[in-house]
Amino acid sequence: MLDATNLAAPPQRAIRPPNAGAGSDASLRKSARDFEAQALGFLLQPIFATVDNSKSAFGGGAAEAQWRPMLVEAFAASAVRAGGVGIADTVYRELLRQKNGAQTPNMGEAQS
């Protein structure tokens, strides 16, 4: 039987500061593009779910259904690389505002 009273506490680990580049403009832009690709992927999923794969070049089947989500992600990432639909630009501007300490105003209150 294990005697829990003789167990030593785990050693203390120093808390590391966040990565220096975590808030850089390039990382914020990449995060915004990744967000847009994910959003487009979610929008494309229902479109691909309605396709009749039995008449496709590969004949459908379980394997094709298994790989379809990755195909949709690749299409979404490709669309973002080609310029996207503008979601990344909006997200990037908002990330910059938050990085610079701007508080998002409550649109229900009067601005002074």
PDB file of N, CA and C in Angstrom:
ATOM      1  N   MET A   1       0.839  -1.164   0.000  1.00  0.00           N
ATOM      2  CA  MET A   1       0.000   0.000   0.000  1.00  0.00           C
ATOM      3  C   MET A   1       0.892   1.237   0.000  1.00  0.00           C
ATOM      4  N   LEU A   2       0.466   2.250  -0.706  1.00  0.00           N
ATOM      5  CA  LEU A   2       1.236   3.486  -0.846  1.00  0.00           C
ATOM      6  C   LEU A   2       0.977   4.392   0.353  1.00  0.00           C
ATOM      7  N   ASP A   3       2.034   4.886   0.943  1.00  0.00           N
ATOM      8  CA  ASP A   3       1.923   5.796   2.065  1.00  0.00           C
ATOM      9  C   ASP A   3       2.050   7.230   1.542  1.00  0.00           C
ATOM     10  N   ALA A   4       0.969   7.955   1.442  1.00  0.00           N
ATOM     11  CA  ALA A   4       0.950   9.297   0.871  1.00  0.00           C
ATOM     12  C   ALA A   4       1.636  10.332   1.753  1.00  0.00           C
ATOM     13  N   THR A   5       1.860  10.036   2.996  1.00  0.00           N
ATOM     14  CA  THR A   5       2.495  11.022   3.874  1.00  0.00           C
ATOM     15  C   THR A   5       3.983  11.172   3.575  1.00  0.00           C
ATOM     16  N   ASN A   6       4.582  10.197   2.892  1.00  0.00           N
ATOM     17  CA  ASN A   6       6.010  10.257   2.582  1.00  0.00           C
ATOM     18  C   ASN A   6       6.286  10.855   1.205  1.00  0.00           C
ATOM     19  N   LEU A   7       5.284  11.271   0.487  1.00  0.00           N
ATOM     20  CA  LEU A   7       5.478  11.842  -0.847  1.00  0.00           C
ATOM     21  C   LEU A   7       5.968  13.279  -0.734  1.00  0.00           C
ATOM     22  N   ALA A   8       6.962  13.604  -1.535  1.00  0.00           N
ATOM     23  CA  ALA A   8       7.502  14.969  -1.533  1.00  0.00           C
ATOM     24  C   ALA A   8       6.692  15.847  -2.493  1.00  0.00           C
ATOM     25  N   ALA A   9       6.618  17.115  -2.171  1.00  0.00           N
ATOM     26  CA  ALA A   9       5.926  18.064  -3.044  1.00  0.00           C
ATOM     27  C   ALA A   9       6.746  18.264  -4.315  1.00  0.00           C
ATOM     28  N   PRO A  10       6.106  18.510  -5.422  1.00  0.00           N
ATOM     29  CA  PRO A  10       6.860  18.745  -6.658  1.00  0.00           C
ATOM     30  C   PRO A  10       7.687  20.019  -6.529  1.00  0.00           C
ATOM     31  N   PRO A  11       8.824  20.082  -7.223  1.00  0.00           N
ATOM     32  CA  PRO A  11       9.668  21.281  -7.124  1.00  0.00           C
ATOM     33  C   PRO A  11       8.982  22.499  -7.735  1.00  0.00           C
ATOM     34  N   GLN A  12       9.298  23.659  -7.161  1.00  0.00           N
ATOM     35  CA  GLN A  12       8.737  24.912  -7.668  1.00  0.00           C
ATOM     36  C   GLN A  12       9.362  25.240  -9.013  1.00  0.00           C
ATOM     37  N   ARG A  13       8.545  25.717  -9.959  1.00  0.00           N
ATOM     38  CA  ARG A  13       9.072  26.134 -11.253  1.00  0.00           C
ATOM     39  C   ARG A  13       8.864  27.637 -11.398  1.00  0.00           C
ATOM     40  N   ALA A  14       9.852  28.277 -11.981  1.00  0.00           N
ATOM     41  CA  ALA A  14       9.763  29.717 -12.186  1.00  0.00           C
ATOM     42  C   ALA A  14       8.731  30.012 -13.270  1.00  0.00           C
ATOM     43  N   ILE A  15       8.003  31.069 -13.079  1.00  0.00           N
ATOM     44  CA  ILE A  15       7.034  31.498 -14.075  1.00  0.00           C
ATOM     45  C   ILE A  15       7.780  32.245 -15.169  1.00  0.00           C
ATOM     46  N   ARG A  16       7.601  31.777 -16.393  1.00  0.00           N
ATOM     47  CA  ARG A  16       8.283  32.415 -17.519  1.00  0.00           C
ATOM     48  C   ARG A  16       7.421  33.544 -18.076  1.00  0.00           C
ATOM     49  N   PRO A  17       8.040  34.635 -18.479  1.00  0.00           N
ATOM     50  CA  PRO A  17       7.273  35.705 -19.104  1.00  0.00           C
ATOM     51  C   PRO A  17       6.769  35.243 -20.463  1.00  0.00           C
ATOM     52  N   PRO A  18       5.686  35.835 -20.954  1.00  0.00           N
ATOM     53  CA  PRO A  18       5.188  35.454 -22.269  1.00  0.00           C
ATOM     54  C   PRO A  18       6.224  35.747 -23.343  1.00  0.00           C
ATOM     55  N   ASN A  19       6.082  35.078 -24.468  1.00  0.00           N
ATOM     56  CA  ASN A  19       7.013  35.292 -25.578  1.00  0.00           C
ATOM     57  C   ASN A  19       7.046  36.758 -25.960  1.00  0.00           C
ATOM     58  N   ALA A  20       8.233  37.243 -26.241  1.00  0.00           N
ATOM     59  CA  ALA A  20       8.385  38.654 -26.587  1.00  0.00           C
ATOM     60  C   ALA A  20       7.658  38.981 -27.872  1.00  0.00           C
ATOM     61  N   GLY A  21       7.596  38.034 -28.812  1.00  0.00           N
ATOM     62  CA  GLY A  21       6.956  38.294 -30.093  1.00  0.00           C
ATOM     63  C   GLY A  21       5.468  38.012 -30.106  1.00  0.00           C
ATOM     64  N   ALA A  22       4.904  37.640 -28.960  1.00  0.00           N
ATOM     65  CA  ALA A  22       3.500  37.237 -28.932  1.00  0.00           C
ATOM     66  C   ALA A  22       2.571  38.381 -29.298  1.00  0.00           C
ATOM     67  N   GLY A  23       2.944  39.610 -29.021  1.00  0.00           N
ATOM     68  CA  GLY A  23       2.068  40.729 -29.328  1.00  0.00           C
ATOM     69  C   GLY A  23       2.542  41.558 -30.502  1.00  0.00           C
ATOM     70  N   SER A  24       3.479  41.027 -31.280  1.00  0.00           N
ATOM     71  CA  SER A  24       3.989  41.799 -32.410  1.00  0.00           C
ATOM     72  C   SER A  24       2.929  41.922 -33.483  1.00  0.00           C
ATOM     73  N   ASP A  25       3.097  42.913 -34.329  1.00  0.00           N
ATOM     74  CA  ASP A  25       2.124  43.132 -35.400  1.00  0.00           C
ATOM     75  C   ASP A  25       2.015  41.927 -36.316  1.00  0.00           C
ATOM     76  N   ALA A  26       3.142  41.273 -36.592  1.00  0.00           N
ATOM     77  CA  ALA A  26       3.116  40.104 -37.476  1.00  0.00           C
ATOM     78  C   ALA A  26       2.322  38.960 -36.850  1.00  0.00           C
ATOM     79  N   SER A  27       2.492  38.751 -35.542  1.00  0.00           N
ATOM     80  CA  SER A  27       1.748  37.668 -34.894  1.00  0.00           C
ATOM     81  C   SER A  27       0.267  38.006 -34.790  1.00  0.00           C
ATOM     82  N   LEU A  28      -0.056  39.295 -34.592  1.00  0.00           N
ATOM     83  CA  LEU A  28      -1.463  39.692 -34.567  1.00  0.00           C
ATOM     84  C   LEU A  28      -2.105  39.501 -35.935  1.00  0.00           C
ATOM     85  N   ARG A  29      -1.376  39.857 -36.991  1.00  0.00           N
ATOM     86  CA  ARG A  29      -1.902  39.684 -38.351  1.00  0.00           C
ATOM     87  C   ARG A  29      -2.110  38.204 -38.660  1.00  0.00           C
ATOM     88  N   LYS A  30      -1.151  37.367 -38.232  1.00  0.00           N
ATOM     89  CA  LYS A  30      -1.284  35.921 -38.461  1.00  0.00           C
ATOM     90  C   LYS A  30      -2.489  35.378 -37.702  1.00  0.00           C
ATOM     91  N   SER A  31      -2.685  35.821 -36.469  1.00  0.00           N
ATOM     92  CA  SER A  31      -3.836  35.379 -35.687  1.00  0.00           C
ATOM     93  C   SER A  31      -5.140  35.790 -36.356  1.00  0.00           C
ATOM     94  N   ALA A  32      -5.178  36.983 -36.900  1.00  0.00           N
ATOM     95  CA  ALA A  32      -6.381  37.462 -37.582  1.00  0.00           C
ATOM     96  C   ALA A  32      -6.651  36.639 -38.838  1.00  0.00           C
ATOM     97  N   ARG A  33      -5.597  36.326 -39.596  1.00  0.00           N
ATOM     98  CA  ARG A  33      -5.772  35.492 -40.801  1.00  0.00           C
ATOM     99  C   ARG A  33      -6.207  34.077 -40.429  1.00  0.00           C
ATOM    100  N   ASP A  34      -5.634  33.524 -39.360  1.00  0.00           N
ATOM    101  CA  ASP A  34      -6.033  32.192 -38.904  1.00  0.00           C
ATOM    102  C   ASP A  34      -7.502  32.184 -38.485  1.00  0.00           C
ATOM    103  N   PHE A  35      -7.927  33.249 -37.814  1.00  0.00           N
ATOM    104  CA  PHE A  35      -9.328  33.358 -37.408  1.00  0.00           C
ATOM    105  C   PHE A  35     -10.234  33.401 -38.634  1.00  0.00           C
ATOM    106  N   GLU A  36      -9.850  34.190 -39.652  1.00  0.00           N
ATOM    107  CA  GLU A  36     -10.670  34.274 -40.860  1.00  0.00           C
ATOM    108  C   GLU A  36     -10.738  32.920 -41.564  1.00  0.00           C
ATOM    109  N   ALA A  37      -9.624  32.204 -41.620  1.00  0.00           N
ATOM    110  CA  ALA A  37      -9.623  30.888 -42.261  1.00  0.00           C
ATOM    111  C   ALA A  37     -10.546  29.924 -41.513  1.00  0.00           C
ATOM    112  N   GLN A  38     -10.519  29.981 -40.198  1.00  0.00           N
ATOM    113  CA  GLN A  38     -11.391  29.112 -39.412  1.00  0.00           C
ATOM    114  C   GLN A  38     -12.855  29.484 -39.625  1.00  0.00           C
ATOM    115  N   ALA A  39     -13.156  30.780 -39.645  1.00  0.00           N
ATOM    116  CA  ALA A  39     -14.535  31.222 -39.865  1.00  0.00           C
ATOM    117  C   ALA A  39     -15.031  30.803 -41.251  1.00  0.00           C
ATOM    118  N   LEU A  40     -14.190  30.980 -42.267  1.00  0.00           N
ATOM    119  CA  LEU A  40     -14.581  30.560 -43.614  1.00  0.00           C
ATOM    120  C   LEU A  40     -14.764  29.051 -43.683  1.00  0.00           C
ATOM    121  N   GLY A  41     -13.924  28.317 -42.981  1.00  0.00           N
ATOM    122  CA  GLY A  41     -14.070  26.861 -42.943  1.00  0.00           C
ATOM    123  C   GLY A  41     -15.414  26.453 -42.369  1.00  0.00           C
ATOM    124  N   PHE A  42     -15.833  27.121 -41.287  1.00  0.00           N
ATOM    125  CA  PHE A  42     -17.137  26.824 -40.701  1.00  0.00           C
ATOM    126  C   PHE A  42     -18.267  27.170 -41.663  1.00  0.00           C
ATOM    127  N   LEU A  43     -18.099  28.238 -42.430  1.00  0.00           N
ATOM    128  CA  LEU A  43     -19.127  28.615 -43.401  1.00  0.00           C
ATOM    129  C   LEU A  43     -19.169  27.653 -44.587  1.00  0.00           C
ATOM    130  N   LEU A  44     -18.032  27.078 -44.956  1.00  0.00           N
ATOM    131  CA  LEU A  44     -17.980  26.165 -46.100  1.00  0.00           C
ATOM    132  C   LEU A  44     -18.417  24.742 -45.758  1.00  0.00           C
ATOM    133  N   GLN A  45     -18.339  24.345 -44.497  1.00  0.00           N
ATOM    134  CA  GLN A  45     -18.693  22.974 -44.115  1.00  0.00           C
ATOM    135  C   GLN A  45     -20.082  22.558 -44.600  1.00  0.00           C
ATOM    136  N   PRO A  46     -21.139  23.348 -44.381  1.00  0.00           N
ATOM    137  CA  PRO A  46     -22.465  22.919 -44.834  1.00  0.00           C
ATOM    138  C   PRO A  46     -22.566  22.793 -46.355  1.00  0.00           C
ATOM    139  N   ILE A  47     -21.810  23.602 -47.063  1.00  0.00           N
ATOM    140  CA  ILE A  47     -21.840  23.525 -48.527  1.00  0.00           C
ATOM    141  C   ILE A  47     -21.298  22.168 -48.976  1.00  0.00           C
ATOM    142  N   PHE A  48     -20.184  21.755 -48.402  1.00  0.00           N
ATOM    143  CA  PHE A  48     -19.594  20.481 -48.792  1.00  0.00           C
ATOM    144  C   PHE A  48     -20.396  19.294 -48.258  1.00  0.00           C
ATOM    145  N   ALA A  49     -21.146  19.497 -47.202  1.00  0.00           N
ATOM    146  CA  ALA A  49     -21.962  18.413 -46.651  1.00  0.00           C
ATOM    147  C   ALA A  49     -23.122  18.061 -47.576  1.00  0.00           C
ATOM    148  N   THR A  50     -23.536  18.979 -48.438  1.00  0.00           N
ATOM    149  CA  THR A  50     -24.675  18.725 -49.320  1.00  0.00           C
ATOM    150  C   THR A  50     -24.271  18.178 -50.682  1.00  0.00           C
ATOM    151  N   VAL A  51     -22.971  18.040 -50.934  1.00  0.00           N
ATOM    152  CA  VAL A  51     -22.494  17.545 -52.224  1.00  0.00           C
ATOM    153  C   VAL A  51     -22.719  16.038 -52.308  1.00  0.00           C
ATOM    154  N   ASP A  52     -23.234  15.580 -53.449  1.00  0.00           N
ATOM    155  CA  ASP A  52     -23.418  14.148 -53.683  1.00  0.00           C
ATOM    156  C   ASP A  52     -22.098  13.565 -54.166  1.00  0.00           C
ATOM    157  N   ASN A  53     -21.365  12.944 -53.246  1.00  0.00           N
ATOM    158  CA  ASN A  53     -20.032  12.427 -53.561  1.00  0.00           C
ATOM    159  C   ASN A  53     -20.059  11.143 -54.373  1.00  0.00           C
ATOM    160  N   SER A  54     -21.206  10.489 -54.473  1.00  0.00           N
ATOM    161  CA  SER A  54     -21.249   9.233 -55.223  1.00  0.00           C
ATOM    162  C   SER A  54     -20.996   9.467 -56.708  1.00  0.00           C
ATOM    163  N   LYS A  55     -21.219  10.701 -57.175  1.00  0.00           N
ATOM    164  CA  LYS A  55     -20.997  11.023 -58.583  1.00  0.00           C
ATOM    165  C   LYS A  55     -19.688  11.762 -58.812  1.00  0.00           C
ATOM    166  N   SER A  56     -18.871  11.868 -57.769  1.00  0.00           N
ATOM    167  CA  SER A  56     -17.599  12.580 -57.911  1.00  0.00           C
ATOM    168  C   SER A  56     -16.565  11.680 -58.577  1.00  0.00           C
ATOM    169  N   ALA A  57     -15.446  12.263 -58.922  1.00  0.00           N
ATOM    170  CA  ALA A  57     -14.376  11.524 -59.598  1.00  0.00           C
ATOM    171  C   ALA A  57     -13.839  10.382 -58.744  1.00  0.00           C
ATOM    172  N   PHE A  58     -13.909  10.538 -57.419  1.00  0.00           N
ATOM    173  CA  PHE A  58     -13.360   9.519 -56.533  1.00  0.00           C
ATOM    174  C   PHE A  58     -14.422   8.598 -55.961  1.00  0.00           C
ATOM    175  N   GLY A  59     -15.677   8.864 -56.226  1.00  0.00           N
ATOM    176  CA  GLY A  59     -16.753   7.951 -55.846  1.00  0.00           C
ATOM    177  C   GLY A  59     -17.257   8.042 -54.423  1.00  0.00           C
ATOM    178  N   GLY A  60     -16.814   9.011 -53.671  1.00  0.00           N
ATOM    179  CA  GLY A  60     -17.312   9.164 -52.306  1.00  0.00           C
ATOM    180  C   GLY A  60     -16.776   8.092 -51.381  1.00  0.00           C
ATOM    181  N   GLY A  61     -17.566   7.710 -50.422  1.00  0.00           N
ATOM    182  CA  GLY A  61     -17.171   6.666 -49.487  1.00  0.00           C
ATOM    183  C   GLY A  61     -16.692   7.229 -48.164  1.00  0.00           C
ATOM    184  N   ALA A  62     -16.381   6.311 -47.259  1.00  0.00           N
ATOM    185  CA  ALA A  62     -15.989   6.699 -45.902  1.00  0.00           C
ATOM    186  C   ALA A  62     -14.661   7.445 -45.890  1.00  0.00           C
ATOM    187  N   ALA A  63     -13.721   7.025 -46.720  1.00  0.00           N
ATOM    188  CA  ALA A  63     -12.416   7.683 -46.727  1.00  0.00           C
ATOM    189  C   ALA A  63     -12.524   9.120 -47.206  1.00  0.00           C
ATOM    190  N   GLU A  64     -13.321   9.337 -48.235  1.00  0.00           N
ATOM    191  CA  GLU A  64     -13.484  10.708 -48.732  1.00  0.00           C
ATOM    192  C   GLU A  64     -14.169  11.584 -47.683  1.00  0.00           C
ATOM    193  N   ALA A  65     -15.152  11.022 -46.994  1.00  0.00           N
ATOM    194  CA  ALA A  65     -15.837  11.773 -45.939  1.00  0.00           C
ATOM    195  C   ALA A  65     -14.876  12.112 -44.800  1.00  0.00           C
ATOM    196  N   GLN A  66     -13.915  11.216 -44.561  1.00  0.00           N
ATOM    197  CA  GLN A  66     -12.948  11.450 -43.491  1.00  0.00           C
ATOM    198  C   GLN A  66     -12.001  12.597 -43.831  1.00  0.00           C
ATOM    199  N   TRP A  67     -11.643  12.730 -45.088  1.00  0.00           N
ATOM    200  CA  TRP A  67     -10.695  13.752 -45.508  1.00  0.00           C
ATOM    201  C   TRP A  67     -11.362  15.075 -45.856  1.00  0.00           C
ATOM    202  N   ARG A  68     -12.672  15.111 -46.015  1.00  0.00           N
ATOM    203  CA  ARG A  68     -13.374  16.324 -46.429  1.00  0.00           C
ATOM    204  C   ARG A  68     -13.118  17.521 -45.522  1.00  0.00           C
ATOM    205  N   PRO A  69     -13.129  17.377 -44.183  1.00  0.00           N
ATOM    206  CA  PRO A  69     -12.858  18.555 -43.341  1.00  0.00           C
ATOM    207  C   PRO A  69     -11.495  19.190 -43.622  1.00  0.00           C
ATOM    208  N   MET A  70     -10.495  18.364 -43.932  1.00  0.00           N
ATOM    209  CA  MET A  70      -9.174  18.918 -44.241  1.00  0.00           C
ATOM    210  C   MET A  70      -9.190  19.642 -45.584  1.00  0.00           C
ATOM    211  N   LEU A  71      -9.963  19.132 -46.525  1.00  0.00           N
ATOM    212  CA  LEU A  71     -10.097  19.797 -47.823  1.00  0.00           C
ATOM    213  C   LEU A  71     -10.767  21.159 -47.646  1.00  0.00           C
ATOM    214  N   VAL A  72     -11.793  21.210 -46.824  1.00  0.00           N
ATOM    215  CA  VAL A  72     -12.490  22.472 -46.569  1.00  0.00           C
ATOM    216  C   VAL A  72     -11.549  23.466 -45.902  1.00  0.00           C
ATOM    217  N   GLU A  73     -10.746  23.007 -44.938  1.00  0.00           N
ATOM    218  CA  GLU A  73      -9.770  23.886 -44.286  1.00  0.00           C
ATOM    219  C   GLU A  73      -8.758  24.416 -45.297  1.00  0.00           C
ATOM    220  N   ALA A  74      -8.333  23.558 -46.225  1.00  0.00           N
ATOM    221  CA  ALA A  74      -7.368  23.987 -47.241  1.00  0.00           C
ATOM    222  C   ALA A  74      -7.982  25.022 -48.168  1.00  0.00           C
ATOM    223  N   PHE A  75      -9.247  24.834 -48.555  1.00  0.00           N
ATOM    224  CA  PHE A  75      -9.926  25.827 -49.385  1.00  0.00           C
ATOM    225  C   PHE A  75     -10.047  27.159 -48.652  1.00  0.00           C
ATOM    226  N   ALA A  76     -10.390  27.108 -47.372  1.00  0.00           N
ATOM    227  CA  ALA A  76     -10.541  28.337 -46.584  1.00  0.00           C
ATOM    228  C   ALA A  76      -9.200  29.053 -46.438  1.00  0.00           C
ATOM    229  N   ALA A  77      -8.141  28.309 -46.151  1.00  0.00           N
ATOM    230  CA  ALA A  77      -6.809  28.921 -46.017  1.00  0.00           C
ATOM    231  C   ALA A  77      -6.359  29.523 -47.342  1.00  0.00           C
ATOM    232  N   SER A  78      -6.670  28.855 -48.427  1.00  0.00           N
ATOM    233  CA  SER A  78      -6.325  29.372 -49.754  1.00  0.00           C
ATOM    234  C   SER A  78      -7.080  30.667 -50.048  1.00  0.00           C
ATOM    235  N   ALA A  79      -8.343  30.706 -49.673  1.00  0.00           N
ATOM    236  CA  ALA A  79      -9.140  31.924 -49.883  1.00  0.00           C
ATOM    237  C   ALA A  79      -8.566  33.087 -49.082  1.00  0.00           C
ATOM    238  N   VAL A  80      -8.112  32.827 -47.868  1.00  0.00           N
ATOM    239  CA  VAL A  80      -7.531  33.881 -47.036  1.00  0.00           C
ATOM    240  C   VAL A  80      -6.211  34.365 -47.648  1.00  0.00           C
ATOM    241  N   ARG A  81      -5.388  33.437 -48.141  1.00  0.00           N
ATOM    242  CA  ARG A  81      -4.131  33.833 -48.780  1.00  0.00           C
ATOM    243  C   ARG A  81      -4.384  34.674 -50.027  1.00  0.00           C
ATOM    244  N   ALA A  82      -5.506  34.441 -50.690  1.00  0.00           N
ATOM    245  CA  ALA A  82      -5.841  35.192 -51.904  1.00  0.00           C
ATOM    246  C   ALA A  82      -6.496  36.538 -51.583  1.00  0.00           C
ATOM    247  N   GLY A  83      -6.648  36.875 -50.321  1.00  0.00           N
ATOM    248  CA  GLY A  83      -7.217  38.164 -49.954  1.00  0.00           C
ATOM    249  C   GLY A  83      -8.385  38.067 -49.002  1.00  0.00           C
ATOM    250  N   GLY A  84      -9.006  36.905 -48.910  1.00  0.00           N
ATOM    251  CA  GLY A  84     -10.094  36.698 -47.970  1.00  0.00           C
ATOM    252  C   GLY A  84     -11.322  37.525 -48.271  1.00  0.00           C
ATOM    253  N   VAL A  85     -12.152  37.674 -47.274  1.00  0.00           N
ATOM    254  CA  VAL A  85     -13.397  38.428 -47.413  1.00  0.00           C
ATOM    255  C   VAL A  85     -13.428  39.653 -46.510  1.00  0.00           C
ATOM    256  N   GLY A  86     -12.321  39.950 -45.833  1.00  0.00           N
ATOM    257  CA  GLY A  86     -12.246  41.149 -45.010  1.00  0.00           C
ATOM    258  C   GLY A  86     -12.358  40.922 -43.519  1.00  0.00           C
ATOM    259  N   ILE A  87     -12.606  39.692 -43.112  1.00  0.00           N
ATOM    260  CA  ILE A  87     -12.729  39.408 -41.680  1.00  0.00           C
ATOM    261  C   ILE A  87     -11.391  39.646 -40.978  1.00  0.00           C
ATOM    262  N   ALA A  88     -10.298  39.192 -41.605  1.00  0.00           N
ATOM    263  CA  ALA A  88      -8.981  39.315 -40.975  1.00  0.00           C
ATOM    264  C   ALA A  88      -8.603  40.770 -40.754  1.00  0.00           C
ATOM    265  N   ASP A  89      -8.921  41.643 -41.696  1.00  0.00           N
ATOM    266  CA  ASP A  89      -8.588  43.058 -41.535  1.00  0.00           C
ATOM    267  C   ASP A  89      -9.308  43.665 -40.344  1.00  0.00           C
ATOM    268  N   THR A  90     -10.578  43.340 -40.201  1.00  0.00           N
ATOM    269  CA  THR A  90     -11.366  43.867 -39.088  1.00  0.00           C
ATOM    270  C   THR A  90     -10.856  43.327 -37.760  1.00  0.00           C
ATOM    271  N   VAL A  91     -10.570  42.032 -37.715  1.00  0.00           N
ATOM    272  CA  VAL A  91     -10.055  41.422 -36.487  1.00  0.00           C
ATOM    273  C   VAL A  91      -8.685  42.002 -36.143  1.00  0.00           C
ATOM    274  N   TYR A  92      -7.832  42.189 -37.150  1.00  0.00           N
ATOM    275  CA  TYR A  92      -6.497  42.757 -36.924  1.00  0.00           C
ATOM    276  C   TYR A  92      -6.589  44.164 -36.329  1.00  0.00           C
ATOM    277  N   ARG A  93      -7.466  45.006 -36.889  1.00  0.00           N
ATOM    278  CA  ARG A  93      -7.626  46.363 -36.347  1.00  0.00           C
ATOM    279  C   ARG A  93      -8.102  46.323 -34.896  1.00  0.00           C
ATOM    280  N   GLU A  94      -9.004  45.407 -34.583  1.00  0.00           N
ATOM    281  CA  GLU A  94      -9.489  45.315 -33.208  1.00  0.00           C
ATOM    282  C   GLU A  94      -8.395  44.799 -32.276  1.00  0.00           C
ATOM    283  N   LEU A  95      -7.595  43.857 -32.742  1.00  0.00           N
ATOM    284  CA  LEU A  95      -6.481  43.373 -31.920  1.00  0.00           C
ATOM    285  C   LEU A  95      -5.471  44.489 -31.653  1.00  0.00           C
ATOM    286  N   LEU A  96      -5.210  45.311 -32.661  1.00  0.00           N
ATOM    287  CA  LEU A  96      -4.305  46.453 -32.460  1.00  0.00           C
ATOM    288  C   LEU A  96      -4.876  47.438 -31.451  1.00  0.00           C
ATOM    289  N   ARG A  97      -6.175  47.701 -31.538  1.00  0.00           N
ATOM    290  CA  ARG A  97      -6.811  48.611 -30.575  1.00  0.00           C
ATOM    291  C   ARG A  97      -6.647  48.073 -29.157  1.00  0.00           C
ATOM    292  N   GLN A  98      -6.882  46.776 -28.975  1.00  0.00           N
ATOM    293  CA  GLN A  98      -6.766  46.189 -27.638  1.00  0.00           C
ATOM    294  C   GLN A  98      -5.312  46.175 -27.170  1.00  0.00           C
ATOM    295  N   LYS A  99      -4.381  45.931 -28.082  1.00  0.00           N
ATOM    296  CA  LYS A  99      -2.960  45.929 -27.725  1.00  0.00           C
ATOM    297  C   LYS A  99      -2.524  47.308 -27.249  1.00  0.00           C
ATOM    298  N   ASN A 100      -3.044  48.344 -27.872  1.00  0.00           N
ATOM    299  CA  ASN A 100      -2.673  49.714 -27.522  1.00  0.00           C
ATOM    300  C   ASN A 100      -3.455  50.250 -26.335  1.00  0.00           C
ATOM    301  N   GLY A 101      -4.251  49.401 -25.705  1.00  0.00           N
ATOM    302  CA  GLY A 101      -4.952  49.790 -24.489  1.00  0.00           C
ATOM    303  C   GLY A 101      -6.287  50.456 -24.708  1.00  0.00           C
ATOM    304  N   ALA A 102      -6.773  50.505 -25.916  1.00  0.00           N
ATOM    305  CA  ALA A 102      -8.070  51.130 -26.168  1.00  0.00           C
ATOM    306  C   ALA A 102      -9.170  50.236 -25.630  1.00  0.00           C
ATOM    307  N   GLN A 103     -10.100  50.844 -24.971  1.00  0.00           N
ATOM    308  CA  GLN A 103     -11.253  50.111 -24.469  1.00  0.00           C
ATOM    309  C   GLN A 103     -12.366  50.191 -25.495  1.00  0.00           C
ATOM    310  N   THR A 104     -12.996  49.064 -25.768  1.00  0.00           N
ATOM    311  CA  THR A 104     -14.118  49.065 -26.695  1.00  0.00           C
ATOM    312  C   THR A 104     -15.259  49.815 -26.033  1.00  0.00           C
ATOM    313  N   PRO A 105     -15.765  50.865 -26.680  1.00  0.00           N
ATOM    314  CA  PRO A 105     -16.830  51.644 -26.046  1.00  0.00           C
ATOM    315  C   PRO A 105     -18.130  50.856 -25.978  1.00  0.00           C
ATOM    316  N   ASN A 106     -18.899  51.147 -24.945  1.00  0.00           N
ATOM    317  CA  ASN A 106     -20.237  50.579 -24.833  1.00  0.00           C
ATOM    318  C   ASN A 106     -21.126  51.396 -25.751  1.00  0.00           C
ATOM    319  N   MET A 107     -21.598  50.788 -26.813  1.00  0.00           N
ATOM    320  CA  MET A 107     -22.357  51.520 -27.817  1.00  0.00           C
ATOM    321  C   MET A 107     -23.714  52.001 -27.293  1.00  0.00           C
ATOM    322  N   GLY A 108     -24.128  51.526 -26.145  1.00  0.00           N
ATOM    323  CA  GLY A 108     -25.397  51.943 -25.576  1.00  0.00           C
ATOM    324  C   GLY A 108     -25.301  53.242 -24.799  1.00  0.00           C
ATOM    325  N   GLU A 109     -24.093  53.678 -24.478  1.00  0.00           N
ATOM    326  CA  GLU A 109     -23.903  54.902 -23.723  1.00  0.00           C
ATOM    327  C   GLU A 109     -23.481  56.033 -24.681  1.00  0.00           C
ATOM    328  N   ALA A 110     -23.801  57.251 -24.274  1.00  0.00           N
ATOM    329  CA  ALA A 110     -23.435  58.409 -25.078  1.00  0.00           C
ATOM    330  C   ALA A 110     -21.935  58.622 -25.043  1.00  0.00           C
ATOM    331  N   GLN A 111     -21.358  58.951 -26.166  1.00  0.00           N
ATOM    332  CA  GLN A 111     -19.927  59.240 -26.256  1.00  0.00           C
ATOM    333  C   GLN A 111     -19.696  60.717 -25.964  1.00  0.00           C
ATOM    334  N   SER A 112     -18.638  61.046 -25.236  1.00  0.00           N
ATOM    335  CA  SER A 112     -18.354  62.458 -24.965  1.00  0.00           C
ATOM    336  C   SER A 112     -17.153  62.921 -25.732  1.00  0.00           C
TER     337      SER A 112
END
